[in-house]
Protein backbone atom coordinates (compact mmCIF):
# COMPACT_ATOMS: atom_id res chain seq x y z
CA VAL A 1 -9.37 -12.82 -1.14
CA CYS A 2 -8.80 -14.07 2.41
CA VAL A 3 -12.47 -13.72 3.27
CA CYS A 4 -13.54 -15.64 0.17
CA VAL A 5 -11.18 -18.51 0.98
CA CYS A 6 -12.39 -18.51 4.58
CA ILE A 7 -16.06 -18.54 3.58
CA ARG A 8 -16.08 -20.96 0.72
CA PRO A 9 -13.35 -23.58 0.24
CA SER A 10 -11.49 -23.48 3.55
CA PRO A 11 -14.22 -24.98 5.77
CA GLN A 12 -14.93 -27.61 3.14
CA HIS A 13 -11.30 -28.40 2.48
CA TYR A 14 -9.97 -28.36 6.03
CA ILE A 15 -12.73 -28.67 8.64
CA THR A 16 -14.92 -31.19 6.79
CA ASP A 17 -12.01 -33.29 5.59
CA CYS A 18 -10.16 -33.20 8.92
CA VAL A 19 -12.99 -33.57 11.41
CA CYS A 20 -16.49 -33.83 9.93
CA ILE A 21 -19.18 -31.64 8.45
CA GLY A 22 -20.87 -31.16 11.83
CA TRP A 23 -17.99 -28.99 13.03
CA VAL A 24 -18.03 -26.44 10.18
CA GLY A 25 -20.56 -24.19 11.92
CA TYR A 26 -18.55 -24.20 15.14
CA GLY A 27 -15.38 -23.35 13.24
CA MET A 28 -17.05 -20.45 11.46
CA LEU A 29 -18.62 -19.28 14.74
CA LEU A 30 -15.17 -19.24 16.30
CA VAL A 31 -13.88 -17.13 13.39
CA ALA A 32 -16.67 -14.60 14.02
CA VAL A 33 -16.15 -14.48 17.81
CA ALA A 34 -12.40 -14.09 17.42
CA ASN A 35 -12.95 -11.40 14.79
CA GLY A 36 -15.26 -9.36 17.02
CA THR A 37 -13.07 -9.75 20.09
CA CYS A 38 -9.91 -8.83 18.25
CA SER A 39 -11.52 -5.78 16.64
CA VAL A 40 -12.05 -4.28 20.08
CA LEU A 41 -8.59 -5.26 21.32
CA CYS A 42 -6.94 -4.06 18.11
CA SER A 43 -8.41 -0.57 18.42
CA LYS A 44 -7.13 -0.29 21.99
CA LEU A 45 -3.67 -1.57 21.05
CA ALA A 46 -3.51 0.74 18.03
CA ASN A 47 -4.02 3.72 20.34
CA ARG A 48 -0.98 2.66 22.37
CA LEU A 49 1.37 1.21 19.77
CA GLY A 50 0.17 2.72 16.53
CA PRO A 51 -1.20 0.75 13.61
CA VAL A 52 2.05 -0.26 11.89
CA PRO A 53 3.29 -2.82 14.47
CA ILE A 54 -0.18 -4.32 14.63
CA VAL A 55 -0.46 -4.66 10.86
CA LEU A 56 3.04 -6.12 10.61
CA THR A 57 2.13 -8.65 13.28
CA ALA A 58 -1.02 -9.51 11.36
CA ALA A 59 0.99 -9.93 8.15
CA LEU A 60 3.46 -12.25 9.87
CA VAL A 61 0.73 -14.32 11.53
CA ASN A 62 -1.29 -14.42 8.30
CA GLY A 63 1.80 -15.51 6.37
CA GLY A 64 2.47 -18.18 8.97
CA LEU A 65 -1.09 -19.46 8.72
CA LEU A 66 -0.86 -19.58 4.94
CA ALA A 67 2.51 -21.36 5.09
CA PHE A 68 1.04 -23.85 7.54
CA LEU A 69 -1.91 -24.53 5.24
CA ILE A 70 0.40 -25.00 2.26
CA ILE A 71 2.55 -27.64 3.98
CA TRP A 72 -0.06 -29.22 6.29
CA GLU A 73 -1.08 -32.77 5.62
CA LYS A 74 -4.67 -32.98 6.77
CA ARG A 75 -5.23 -35.20 9.78
CA PRO A 76 -8.18 -35.29 12.18
CA MET A 77 -7.11 -32.74 14.80
CA LEU A 78 -10.08 -30.86 16.24
CA LEU A 79 -7.98 -28.60 18.48
CA LEU A 80 -5.78 -27.56 15.57
CA VAL A 81 -8.80 -26.77 13.40
CA PHE A 82 -10.28 -24.57 16.14
CA LEU A 83 -6.95 -22.88 16.86
CA PHE A 84 -6.58 -22.11 13.17
CA SER A 85 -10.16 -20.76 13.00
CA ALA A 86 -9.51 -18.44 15.95
CA MET A 87 -6.23 -17.20 14.48
CA TRP A 88 -7.92 -16.56 11.12
CA GLY A 89 -10.57 -14.44 12.86
CA PHE A 90 -7.93 -12.48 14.77
CA VAL A 91 -5.90 -11.78 11.63
CA ASP A 92 -8.98 -10.70 9.67
CA ALA A 93 -9.96 -8.26 12.41
CA ILE A 94 -6.46 -6.85 12.60
CA TRP A 95 -6.48 -6.21 8.86
CA ASN A 96 -9.92 -4.60 8.88
CA THR A 97 -9.51 -2.21 11.82
CA PRO A 98 -6.31 -0.35 10.79
CA LEU A 99 -7.30 -0.26 7.11
CA ASN A 100 -10.62 1.38 7.85
CA THR A 101 -8.88 3.78 10.24
CA LEU A 102 -6.25 4.63 7.63
CA PHE A 103 -8.91 5.34 5.02
CA GLY A 104 -10.78 7.52 7.50
CA VAL A 105 -7.66 9.54 8.27
CA MET A 106 -6.30 9.85 4.74
CA PHE A 107 -9.54 10.44 2.85
CA SER A 108 -12.39 12.67 3.85
CA LYS A 109 -14.79 12.06 0.97
CA ASP A 110 -17.25 9.24 0.48
CA GLN A 111 -15.80 8.55 -2.97
CA GLU A 112 -12.63 7.06 -1.53
CA PHE A 113 -14.58 4.71 0.72
CA ALA A 114 -16.72 3.73 -2.26
CA ASN A 115 -13.58 2.95 -4.27
CA PHE A 116 -12.20 0.90 -1.35
CA ARG A 117 -15.41 -1.13 -1.15
CA LEU A 118 -15.47 -1.48 -4.94
CA GLY A 119 -11.96 -2.91 -4.83
CA GLN A 120 -13.02 -5.37 -2.13
CA SER A 121 -16.05 -6.41 -4.15
CA VAL A 122 -13.95 -6.96 -7.28
CA GLY A 123 -11.58 -9.10 -5.22
CA PHE A 124 -14.53 -11.12 -3.91
CA CYS A 125 -15.87 -11.64 -7.43
CA ILE A 126 -12.50 -12.74 -8.80
CA SER A 127 -11.93 -15.08 -5.85
CA PHE A 128 -15.34 -16.67 -6.17
CA ALA A 129 -14.88 -16.96 -9.95
CA TYR A 130 -11.67 -18.97 -9.72
CA GLY A 131 -12.86 -20.83 -6.61
CA ASP A 132 -14.03 -23.92 -8.48
CA VAL A 133 -11.31 -23.83 -11.13
CA LEU A 134 -8.11 -23.74 -9.08
CA ASP A 135 -6.93 -26.23 -6.48
CA MET A 136 -6.48 -25.18 -2.85
CA LYS A 137 -2.68 -24.87 -2.98
CA THR A 138 -2.87 -22.47 -5.93
CA LYS A 139 -5.46 -20.37 -4.08
CA LEU A 140 -3.17 -20.27 -1.05
CA TRP A 141 -0.22 -19.10 -3.16
CA ILE A 142 -2.43 -16.38 -4.65
CA MET A 143 -3.26 -15.32 -1.09
CA VAL A 144 0.46 -15.22 -0.22
CA ALA A 145 1.08 -12.91 -3.20
CA VAL A 146 -1.90 -10.69 -2.30
CA LEU A 147 -0.72 -10.57 1.32
CA ALA A 148 2.78 -9.47 0.32
CA ILE A 149 1.54 -6.84 -2.13
CA SER A 150 -1.08 -5.45 0.25
CA THR A 151 1.40 -5.26 3.14
CA ILE A 152 3.84 -3.32 0.98
CA PHE A 153 1.14 -0.90 -0.18
CA TYR A 154 -0.16 -0.47 3.37
CA LEU A 155 3.34 0.48 4.54
CA LEU A 156 3.70 2.89 1.62
CA ALA A 157 0.38 4.52 2.56
CA GLU A 158 1.54 4.88 6.17
CA VAL A 159 4.82 6.46 5.04
CA LYS A 160 2.88 8.90 2.86
CA ARG A 161 0.57 9.75 5.75
CA HIS A 162 3.49 10.37 8.11
CA ARG A 163 5.24 12.59 5.57
CA GLU A 164 2.09 14.64 5.01
CA GLN A 165 1.59 14.95 8.74
CA ALA A 166 5.23 16.03 9.25
CA SER A 167 4.95 18.67 6.52
CA LYS A 168 1.75 20.03 8.12
CA ASN A 169 3.50 20.20 11.50
CA LYS A 170 6.46 22.09 9.96
CA ALA A 171 4.12 24.56 8.31
CA MET A 172 2.55 25.42 11.65
């Protein structure tokens, strides 16, 4: 859902309306650079801190970005648009790295990865389907709900993984 909003309506709604259409490519480029940079940094931090603090930080930053977009009255502020683009790229990378790691640790078969990708694709399809029907504030509230639900389920998956790991260690 976040990716679909970042790709489709967000540049149009925020970058074009706040600055001009010529800056959309630079904003999206900054998202990609921040995403790649943060993916590398996130993997190194996850080795030191573990994935849970990183994901919770991402959830808080993502929630803050969404709250900012909900209350923000668009004004021409190039620096703010670029700062937001960079933060969006960082948050997206933080979500992707630990989730893929968690799936790799918890599931050893290709079927689970296929189901994960199927779920992502269904989310993309639904987001693109309602993209032209709903206004931007409604889409942002949907993202807030998805963020809350996905954070809760991520934490539940981590708890399950830790319990399974603890029971394996006791058995040895």
